C-alpha cells in the first residue's frame, strides 16, 4: 500500500482517501501561529493502519470487499526505545543482545487482544522470546516487511522536521482466524528477537482462506 502522512492531522489511505488520525496523535502536534490547545507530550509519534479485504467475484471479475479498517497510534515499548538508542547512538543501555545488522522491520500479527505495557518484551507479554500472543500459522506468521528500508522513507521537509518510515506487509490467510493487532520485531527468529512497537487494532479482522490483511506501520521521528 502506498500510504503516507500528509498534513500532521490527516492520514492518506489508498483505500479510503484522506482520513483523520486518532486524537492521541493530534495531541502531540502544536501548530505554528495558532493557540496551543494541548500540552506537548515527549513521546514517539506514529500510527499503524490495517486493512482486511475479502476477494469476491462480481460481474465476472475479481474484486475485494473491505471487511475491516483500523488506524491507531502505535505504542513503542521500553526495549524498542533502548534498541533504537543503541543502534543510533551507541547508548541507552543494553537491551538483551543488540545487533547492528538487525533492524525493526518484521511484522507480527496478534492472535488475541493485547494487554499492552511499556515493559513488554513480546507481543502483550513481559516474557522474552515467546509467541504466546502472535500467530505462527494460517499465513499470519511474523515476516519481514516489504521494502522496509529504502523506498518507503520520506525525508524531513524542513530543518529539524520529522522523517517518515513505512514498515508494511500484506498477509494472505491460508485458514480461518481473527487478527487482533500487530507488532514490529527486529527478527523473524523468535529467540533473541526484540520487540519495537505494538498495538491493538481498533476492531478485529475475522479472516478466512484467501483473505488479505495489509498492515502499515508509519514511524515518524
Protein backbone atom coordinates (compact mmCIF):
# COMPACT_ATOMS: atom_id res chain seq x y z
CA UNK A 1 0.00 0.00 0.00
CA UNK A 2 1.21 3.46 -0.81
CA UNK A 3 0.21 5.34 2.32
CA UNK A 4 1.81 8.38 3.86
CA UNK A 5 1.23 11.23 6.25
CA UNK A 6 0.17 14.44 4.53
CA UNK A 7 -0.64 17.28 6.93
CA UNK A 8 0.05 16.44 10.59
CA UNK A 9 -3.64 15.95 11.43
CA UNK A 10 -4.60 13.87 8.39
CA UNK A 11 -3.70 10.42 7.09
CA UNK A 12 -3.83 9.36 3.45
CA UNK A 13 -5.09 5.84 2.79
CA UNK A 14 -5.06 4.27 -0.66
CA UNK A 15 -8.33 2.53 0.15
CA UNK A 16 -10.24 5.26 1.99
CA UNK A 17 -8.57 8.51 0.92
CA UNK A 18 -7.95 11.34 3.39
CA UNK A 19 -8.94 10.50 6.94
CA UNK A 20 -8.45 11.94 10.40
CA UNK A 21 -5.91 10.28 12.62
CA UNK A 22 -6.57 9.41 16.30
CA UNK A 23 -6.82 12.11 18.97
CA UNK A 24 -3.82 10.57 20.73
CA UNK A 25 -1.71 11.57 17.73
CA UNK A 26 -3.21 15.05 17.32
CA UNK A 27 -2.47 15.92 20.93
CA UNK A 28 1.24 15.71 20.14
CA UNK A 29 1.05 18.41 17.49
CA UNK A 30 1.46 22.16 18.11
CA UNK A 31 0.74 24.31 15.05
CA UNK A 32 2.85 27.44 14.42
CA UNK A 33 0.85 30.66 14.60
CA UNK A 34 -2.09 29.16 16.46
CA UNK A 35 -3.00 28.85 20.11
CA UNK A 36 -1.62 25.77 21.84
CA UNK A 37 -4.64 23.68 22.82
CA UNK A 38 -2.80 20.67 24.16
CA UNK A 39 0.39 20.20 26.10
CA UNK A 40 3.20 18.62 24.13
CA UNK A 41 3.99 15.09 25.22
CA UNK A 42 7.52 13.91 24.55
CA UNK A 43 6.86 10.51 23.02
CA UNK A 44 7.43 8.62 19.83
CA UNK A 45 4.90 9.57 17.16
CA UNK A 46 3.38 7.24 14.60
CA UNK A 47 0.31 5.32 13.51
CA UNK A 48 -0.49 1.81 12.36
CA UNK A 49 -3.08 1.06 9.68
CA UNK A 50 -4.61 -2.32 8.96
CA UNK A 51 -6.98 -3.15 6.09
CA UNK A 52 -8.76 -6.51 5.86
CA UNK A 53 -10.03 -7.46 2.40
CA UNK A 54 -12.01 -10.43 1.08
CA UNK A 55 -11.87 -11.46 -2.60
CA UNK A 56 -15.28 -11.71 -4.27
CA UNK A 57 -16.46 -12.33 -7.83
CA UNK A 58 -18.65 -9.55 -9.15
CA UNK A 59 -19.78 -9.09 -12.75
CA UNK A 60 -17.36 -11.85 -13.82
CA UNK A 61 -14.36 -10.13 -12.35
CA UNK A 62 -12.44 -10.42 -9.09
CA UNK A 63 -12.88 -7.54 -6.66
CA UNK A 64 -12.16 -7.05 -2.97
CA UNK A 65 -14.57 -6.06 -0.22
CA UNK A 66 -13.14 -4.22 2.79
CA UNK A 67 -14.08 -6.16 5.90
CA UNK A 68 -12.16 -4.10 8.45
CA UNK A 69 -10.16 -0.90 8.51
CA UNK A 70 -8.21 0.28 11.53
CA UNK A 71 -5.91 3.19 12.29
CA UNK A 72 -4.45 3.72 15.76
CA UNK A 73 -1.49 5.37 17.46
CA UNK A 74 1.38 2.92 17.84
CA UNK A 75 2.99 2.14 21.18
CA UNK A 76 6.77 1.82 21.40
CA UNK A 77 7.90 -0.35 24.29
CA UNK A 78 10.92 0.25 26.54
CA UNK A 79 13.13 -2.35 24.93
CA UNK A 80 12.34 -0.97 21.47
CA UNK A 81 13.42 2.50 22.55
CA UNK A 82 16.60 1.12 24.07
CA UNK A 83 17.38 -0.84 20.92
CA UNK A 84 16.93 2.29 18.82
CA UNK A 85 19.25 4.24 21.12
CA UNK A 86 21.89 1.51 20.95
CA UNK A 87 21.79 1.31 17.16
CA UNK A 88 21.70 5.06 16.51
CA UNK A 89 23.73 6.50 19.37
CA UNK A 90 25.59 3.54 20.87
CA UNK A 91 23.86 4.24 24.18
CA UNK A 92 20.62 3.76 26.06
CA UNK A 93 21.58 0.65 27.97
CA UNK A 94 21.87 -2.91 26.75
CA UNK A 95 18.52 -4.40 25.70
CA UNK A 96 19.36 -8.08 25.51
CA UNK A 97 21.93 -8.56 22.76
CA UNK A 98 21.60 -5.53 20.45
CA UNK A 99 22.62 -6.08 16.86
CA UNK A 100 23.95 -3.56 14.38
CA UNK A 101 22.67 -5.65 11.46
CA UNK A 102 19.11 -6.43 12.61
CA UNK A 103 16.55 -3.65 12.36
CA UNK A 104 12.86 -3.39 13.34
CA UNK A 105 11.29 -4.45 10.07
CA UNK A 106 9.48 -7.71 10.89
CA UNK A 107 5.69 -7.59 11.35
CA UNK A 108 3.81 -9.98 13.64
CA UNK A 109 0.03 -10.41 13.93
CA UNK A 110 -1.70 -10.79 17.32
CA UNK A 111 -3.97 -13.79 17.88
CA UNK A 112 -5.77 -12.14 20.81
CA UNK A 113 -6.33 -8.74 22.38
CA UNK A 114 -3.03 -7.41 23.68
CA UNK A 115 -2.68 -6.17 27.24
CA UNK A 116 -0.04 -3.60 26.41
CA UNK A 117 2.66 -2.44 28.80
CA UNK A 118 5.80 -0.38 28.36
CA UNK A 119 7.82 -3.28 29.78
CA UNK A 120 6.60 -5.81 27.18
CA UNK A 121 9.32 -7.95 25.62
CA UNK A 122 6.97 -9.85 23.28
CA UNK A 123 3.51 -9.05 21.94
CA UNK A 124 1.40 -8.27 25.02
CA UNK A 125 3.83 -10.14 27.26
CA UNK A 126 6.63 -9.34 29.71
CA UNK A 127 8.33 -12.61 28.70
CA UNK A 128 11.03 -12.54 26.05
CA UNK A 129 11.27 -14.99 23.13
CA UNK A 130 7.64 -16.17 23.23
CA UNK A 131 4.89 -16.29 20.61
CA UNK A 132 2.02 -16.68 23.09
CA UNK A 133 0.05 -13.78 21.62
CA UNK A 134 1.04 -13.97 17.96
CA UNK A 135 0.13 -16.18 15.02
CA UNK A 136 2.56 -18.84 13.89
CA UNK A 137 0.18 -20.42 11.33
CA UNK A 138 -2.55 -19.68 8.72
CA UNK A 139 -0.36 -17.30 6.73
CA UNK A 140 -0.13 -14.74 9.56
CA UNK A 141 3.27 -15.78 10.86
CA UNK A 142 5.69 -12.90 11.51
CA UNK A 143 7.53 -11.92 8.35
CA UNK A 144 9.89 -9.24 7.06
CA UNK A 145 8.13 -6.17 5.71
CA UNK A 146 8.10 -5.25 2.03
CA UNK A 147 10.99 -2.92 1.08
CA UNK A 148 11.27 -1.59 4.63
CA UNK A 149 14.45 0.48 4.32
CA UNK A 150 14.78 2.48 1.11
CA UNK A 151 11.67 3.10 -0.96
CA UNK A 152 9.33 3.73 1.97
CA UNK A 153 11.36 6.53 3.54
CA UNK A 154 10.31 10.20 3.37
CA UNK A 155 12.94 12.76 4.31
CA UNK A 156 12.16 15.76 6.56
CA UNK A 157 10.70 18.69 4.64
CA UNK A 158 12.23 21.32 6.92
CA UNK A 159 15.28 21.77 9.11
CA UNK A 160 14.55 19.91 12.33
CA UNK A 161 11.49 18.27 10.81
CA UNK A 162 10.45 14.65 11.23
CA UNK A 163 11.14 11.82 8.81
CA UNK A 164 8.63 9.12 7.91
CA UNK A 165 9.46 5.43 7.60
CA UNK A 166 6.81 2.95 6.47
CA UNK A 167 7.01 -0.69 7.52
CA UNK A 168 4.35 -2.60 5.63
CA UNK A 169 3.30 -6.10 4.62
CA UNK A 170 0.21 -7.75 3.14
CA UNK A 171 -0.61 -11.14 4.64
CA UNK A 172 -2.79 -13.73 2.86
CA UNK A 173 -4.70 -16.10 5.12
CA UNK A 174 -4.44 -19.83 4.49
CA UNK A 175 -7.13 -20.63 7.04
CA UNK A 176 -9.65 -19.08 9.40
CA UNK A 177 -8.70 -16.86 12.32
CA UNK A 178 -9.15 -13.45 13.90
CA UNK A 179 -6.44 -10.78 13.82
CA UNK A 180 -6.49 -8.51 16.86
CA UNK A 181 -3.38 -6.36 16.50
CA UNK A 182 0.21 -6.21 15.37
CA UNK A 183 3.78 -5.56 16.40
CA UNK A 184 7.19 -4.97 14.86
CA UNK A 185 10.27 -7.01 15.75
CA UNK A 186 13.86 -6.97 14.56
CA UNK A 187 13.94 -10.65 13.53
CA UNK A 188 11.77 -13.49 12.24
CA UNK A 189 13.68 -15.78 14.61
CA UNK A 190 11.78 -15.74 17.88
CA UNK A 191 14.75 -16.46 20.14
CA UNK A 192 16.65 -13.25 20.79
CA UNK A 193 14.23 -11.05 18.82
CA UNK A 194 13.49 -7.57 20.14
CA UNK A 195 10.02 -6.00 20.09
CA UNK A 196 9.94 -2.40 18.84
CA UNK A 197 6.27 -1.33 18.77
CA UNK A 198 2.88 -2.98 19.29
CA UNK A 199 -0.79 -2.07 19.22
CA UNK A 200 -4.31 -3.48 19.08
CA UNK A 201 -6.40 -2.78 16.00
CA UNK A 202 -9.45 -0.59 16.64
CA UNK A 203 -11.57 -3.55 15.56
CA UNK A 204 -10.80 -7.18 14.78
CA UNK A 205 -10.37 -8.76 11.35
CA UNK A 206 -12.24 -12.06 11.10
CA UNK A 207 -10.41 -13.83 8.29
CA UNK A 208 -11.00 -16.87 6.11
CA UNK A 209 -8.81 -18.53 3.49
CA UNK A 210 -7.55 -16.11 0.79
CA UNK A 211 -8.48 -13.01 2.78
CA UNK A 212 -5.73 -10.38 2.91
CA UNK A 213 -4.58 -8.18 5.76
CA UNK A 214 -2.42 -5.20 4.80
CA UNK A 215 -0.57 -3.75 7.80
CA UNK A 216 1.32 -0.45 7.51
CA UNK A 217 3.31 0.95 10.41
CA UNK A 218 4.12 4.65 9.94
CA UNK A 219 7.08 5.54 12.13
CA UNK A 220 7.96 9.22 12.48
CA UNK A 221 10.90 10.67 14.40
